[in-house]
């Protein structure tokens, strides 16, 4: 799945682990926000790629990479933890 804008999630479970799905953040200056997905457990990525340019900011909520998962940085993108 390719995300070129901001990420906003809430409520239900976001399944980014089954089938080792890759979530690719390729926009400029993106913000990731989670408001209680998966009963407050947040979003778990199997494979997550932050690429392109600008800062990708985890602004609120819970985000993690699964055991045996993969987080990749590419291009000139930077990752910031924001308020979490």
N, C-alpha and C. Protein backbone atom coordinates (compact mmCIF):
# COMPACT_ATOMS: atom_id res chain seq x y z
N UNK A 1 0.85 -1.15 0.00
CA UNK A 1 0.00 0.00 0.00
C UNK A 1 0.90 1.23 0.00
N UNK A 2 0.60 2.18 -0.86
CA UNK A 2 1.36 3.42 -0.94
C UNK A 2 0.56 4.55 -0.31
N UNK A 3 1.21 5.31 0.58
CA UNK A 3 0.58 6.44 1.24
C UNK A 3 1.34 7.69 0.81
N UNK A 4 0.67 8.59 0.11
CA UNK A 4 1.35 9.80 -0.33
C UNK A 4 0.95 11.03 0.48
N UNK A 5 -0.09 10.88 1.30
CA UNK A 5 -0.53 11.97 2.18
C UNK A 5 -0.30 11.59 3.63
N UNK A 6 -1.06 12.19 4.52
CA UNK A 6 -0.94 11.89 5.94
C UNK A 6 -1.69 10.59 6.27
N UNK A 7 -1.32 9.96 7.38
CA UNK A 7 -1.96 8.73 7.86
C UNK A 7 -2.76 9.08 9.11
N UNK A 8 -4.07 8.76 9.09
CA UNK A 8 -4.93 8.95 10.24
C UNK A 8 -5.73 7.67 10.43
N UNK A 9 -5.62 7.07 11.62
CA UNK A 9 -6.38 5.85 11.89
C UNK A 9 -6.99 5.94 13.28
N UNK A 10 -8.11 5.22 13.45
CA UNK A 10 -8.79 5.19 14.74
C UNK A 10 -9.74 4.00 14.77
N UNK A 11 -10.00 3.51 15.98
CA UNK A 11 -11.02 2.50 16.16
C UNK A 11 -10.61 1.08 15.84
N UNK A 12 -10.95 0.61 14.66
CA UNK A 12 -10.77 -0.80 14.28
C UNK A 12 -9.30 -1.19 14.16
N UNK A 13 -9.06 -2.48 14.02
CA UNK A 13 -7.71 -3.00 13.85
C UNK A 13 -7.23 -2.73 12.42
N UNK A 14 -6.03 -2.21 12.29
CA UNK A 14 -5.39 -2.01 11.00
C UNK A 14 -4.46 -3.20 10.80
N UNK A 15 -4.76 -4.08 9.85
CA UNK A 15 -3.96 -5.29 9.64
C UNK A 15 -2.90 -5.05 8.57
N UNK A 16 -1.72 -4.63 9.02
CA UNK A 16 -0.60 -4.41 8.10
C UNK A 16 0.46 -5.48 8.31
N UNK A 17 0.06 -6.63 8.90
CA UNK A 17 1.01 -7.72 9.18
C UNK A 17 0.71 -8.95 8.32
N UNK A 18 -0.59 -9.33 8.21
CA UNK A 18 -0.97 -10.50 7.42
C UNK A 18 -0.42 -10.39 6.00
N UNK A 19 0.13 -11.46 5.51
CA UNK A 19 0.73 -11.51 4.17
C UNK A 19 1.94 -10.60 4.02
N UNK A 20 2.53 -10.18 5.14
CA UNK A 20 3.73 -9.34 5.15
C UNK A 20 3.57 -8.12 4.24
N UNK A 21 2.43 -7.47 4.36
CA UNK A 21 2.15 -6.29 3.53
C UNK A 21 3.18 -5.20 3.77
N UNK A 22 3.56 -4.50 2.70
CA UNK A 22 4.47 -3.36 2.80
C UNK A 22 3.65 -2.08 2.73
N UNK A 23 3.88 -1.19 3.69
CA UNK A 23 3.25 0.12 3.67
C UNK A 23 4.36 1.11 3.34
N UNK A 24 4.18 1.83 2.24
CA UNK A 24 5.20 2.71 1.67
C UNK A 24 4.75 4.16 1.81
N UNK A 25 5.43 4.91 2.69
CA UNK A 25 5.15 6.33 2.86
C UNK A 25 6.10 7.09 1.94
N UNK A 26 5.55 7.69 0.88
CA UNK A 26 6.42 8.31 -0.11
C UNK A 26 6.11 9.79 -0.38
N UNK A 27 5.33 10.39 0.49
CA UNK A 27 5.01 11.80 0.32
C UNK A 27 6.09 12.69 0.91
N UNK A 28 5.82 13.97 0.90
CA UNK A 28 6.74 14.95 1.47
C UNK A 28 6.12 15.49 2.74
N UNK A 29 6.88 15.47 3.83
CA UNK A 29 6.40 16.03 5.09
C UNK A 29 5.13 15.39 5.61
N UNK A 30 5.12 14.07 5.78
CA UNK A 30 3.92 13.35 6.21
C UNK A 30 3.81 13.27 7.73
N UNK A 31 2.56 13.20 8.21
CA UNK A 31 2.27 13.04 9.63
C UNK A 31 1.45 11.77 9.82
N UNK A 32 1.86 10.94 10.80
CA UNK A 32 1.14 9.71 11.13
C UNK A 32 0.47 9.89 12.48
N UNK A 33 -0.86 9.69 12.52
CA UNK A 33 -1.64 9.86 13.73
C UNK A 33 -2.53 8.64 13.92
N UNK A 34 -2.53 8.09 15.14
CA UNK A 34 -3.42 6.98 15.46
C UNK A 34 -4.20 7.33 16.72
N UNK A 35 -5.50 7.20 16.67
CA UNK A 35 -6.36 7.53 17.80
C UNK A 35 -7.05 6.28 18.34
N UNK A 36 -6.26 5.33 18.80
CA UNK A 36 -6.82 4.17 19.48
C UNK A 36 -7.16 2.97 18.63
N UNK A 37 -6.48 2.76 17.53
CA UNK A 37 -6.73 1.57 16.70
C UNK A 37 -6.48 0.30 17.50
N UNK A 38 -7.18 -0.77 17.12
CA UNK A 38 -6.99 -2.09 17.72
C UNK A 38 -7.12 -2.05 19.24
N UNK A 39 -8.20 -1.46 19.71
CA UNK A 39 -8.47 -1.37 21.15
C UNK A 39 -7.34 -0.70 21.92
N UNK A 40 -6.71 0.29 21.33
CA UNK A 40 -5.64 1.03 22.00
C UNK A 40 -4.26 0.44 21.81
N UNK A 41 -4.15 -0.68 21.09
CA UNK A 41 -2.84 -1.30 20.85
C UNK A 41 -2.09 -0.66 19.69
N UNK A 42 -2.75 0.14 18.90
CA UNK A 42 -2.10 0.88 17.82
C UNK A 42 -1.92 0.08 16.54
N UNK A 43 -1.06 0.61 15.68
CA UNK A 43 -0.81 0.06 14.35
C UNK A 43 0.52 -0.69 14.35
N UNK A 44 0.50 -1.93 13.86
CA UNK A 44 1.71 -2.74 13.74
C UNK A 44 1.97 -2.98 12.26
N UNK A 45 3.17 -2.63 11.81
CA UNK A 45 3.56 -2.83 10.42
C UNK A 45 4.45 -4.06 10.29
N UNK A 46 4.25 -4.84 9.24
CA UNK A 46 5.17 -5.95 8.94
C UNK A 46 6.39 -5.39 8.22
N UNK A 47 6.14 -4.60 7.20
CA UNK A 47 7.21 -3.94 6.45
C UNK A 47 6.77 -2.51 6.21
N UNK A 48 7.58 -1.56 6.64
CA UNK A 48 7.23 -0.17 6.44
C UNK A 48 8.43 0.56 5.83
N UNK A 49 8.16 1.35 4.81
CA UNK A 49 9.19 2.05 4.07
C UNK A 49 8.89 3.54 4.10
N UNK A 50 9.84 4.33 4.60
CA UNK A 50 9.74 5.77 4.58
C UNK A 50 10.73 6.26 3.54
N UNK A 51 10.22 6.86 2.47
CA UNK A 51 11.12 7.28 1.40
C UNK A 51 10.72 8.65 0.87
N UNK A 52 11.45 9.10 -0.11
CA UNK A 52 11.19 10.41 -0.68
C UNK A 52 11.96 11.47 0.08
N UNK A 53 11.29 12.57 0.39
CA UNK A 53 11.95 13.66 1.10
C UNK A 53 11.07 14.15 2.23
N UNK A 54 11.62 15.01 3.03
CA UNK A 54 10.87 15.59 4.13
C UNK A 54 10.86 14.71 5.37
N UNK A 55 10.21 15.21 6.41
CA UNK A 55 10.14 14.52 7.68
C UNK A 55 8.83 13.76 7.80
N UNK A 56 8.93 12.50 8.20
CA UNK A 56 7.75 11.68 8.48
C UNK A 56 7.62 11.70 10.01
N UNK A 57 6.55 12.30 10.53
CA UNK A 57 6.41 12.51 11.96
C UNK A 57 5.34 11.60 12.55
N UNK A 58 5.71 10.79 13.53
CA UNK A 58 4.75 9.98 14.30
C UNK A 58 4.22 10.93 15.36
N UNK A 59 3.07 11.56 15.12
CA UNK A 59 2.63 12.66 15.97
C UNK A 59 1.87 12.22 17.21
N UNK A 60 1.07 11.16 17.11
CA UNK A 60 0.35 10.67 18.30
C UNK A 60 -0.11 9.24 18.06
N UNK A 61 -0.36 8.54 19.16
CA UNK A 61 -0.81 7.15 19.07
C UNK A 61 0.33 6.18 19.22
N UNK A 62 0.07 4.91 18.85
CA UNK A 62 1.06 3.84 18.97
C UNK A 62 1.35 3.24 17.60
N UNK A 63 2.62 3.18 17.25
CA UNK A 63 3.08 2.58 16.01
C UNK A 63 4.24 1.66 16.33
N UNK A 64 4.28 0.48 15.69
CA UNK A 64 5.40 -0.44 15.91
C UNK A 64 5.62 -1.30 14.67
N UNK A 65 6.77 -1.96 14.66
CA UNK A 65 7.12 -2.91 13.60
C UNK A 65 7.06 -4.30 14.22
N UNK A 66 6.42 -5.24 13.53
CA UNK A 66 6.23 -6.60 14.04
C UNK A 66 7.57 -7.30 14.27
N UNK A 67 7.55 -8.30 15.15
CA UNK A 67 8.73 -9.17 15.28
C UNK A 67 9.05 -9.70 13.90
N UNK A 68 10.31 -9.75 13.55
CA UNK A 68 10.75 -10.17 12.22
C UNK A 68 10.28 -9.23 11.12
N UNK A 69 9.83 -8.02 11.49
CA UNK A 69 9.41 -7.02 10.53
C UNK A 69 10.61 -6.23 10.02
N UNK A 70 10.34 -5.23 9.20
CA UNK A 70 11.40 -4.46 8.58
C UNK A 70 10.98 -3.01 8.43
N UNK A 71 11.82 -2.09 8.92
CA UNK A 71 11.63 -0.67 8.72
C UNK A 71 12.77 -0.19 7.85
N UNK A 72 12.45 0.47 6.73
CA UNK A 72 13.47 0.93 5.79
C UNK A 72 13.34 2.42 5.58
N UNK A 73 14.48 3.12 5.60
CA UNK A 73 14.53 4.54 5.27
C UNK A 73 15.23 4.68 3.94
N UNK A 74 14.70 5.53 3.05
CA UNK A 74 15.30 5.71 1.73
C UNK A 74 15.20 7.17 1.31
N UNK A 75 16.00 7.55 0.34
CA UNK A 75 16.01 8.93 -0.13
C UNK A 75 16.55 9.84 0.96
N UNK A 76 15.97 11.03 1.07
CA UNK A 76 16.41 11.98 2.11
C UNK A 76 15.40 12.09 3.23
N UNK A 77 14.45 11.16 3.30
CA UNK A 77 13.42 11.18 4.34
C UNK A 77 14.05 11.02 5.72
N UNK A 78 13.44 11.70 6.70
CA UNK A 78 13.83 11.53 8.10
C UNK A 78 12.59 11.13 8.89
N UNK A 79 12.80 10.44 10.00
CA UNK A 79 11.69 9.98 10.84
C UNK A 79 11.80 10.66 12.20
N UNK A 80 10.70 11.28 12.62
CA UNK A 80 10.66 11.98 13.90
C UNK A 80 9.55 11.38 14.77
N UNK A 81 9.83 11.26 16.07
CA UNK A 81 8.85 10.64 16.96
C UNK A 81 7.78 11.60 17.43
N UNK A 82 7.91 12.87 17.18
CA UNK A 82 6.87 13.82 17.58
C UNK A 82 6.58 13.74 19.06
N UNK A 83 5.32 13.64 19.42
CA UNK A 83 4.91 13.66 20.83
C UNK A 83 4.79 12.29 21.46
N UNK A 84 5.17 11.21 20.74
CA UNK A 84 5.02 9.88 21.32
C UNK A 84 6.34 9.32 21.80
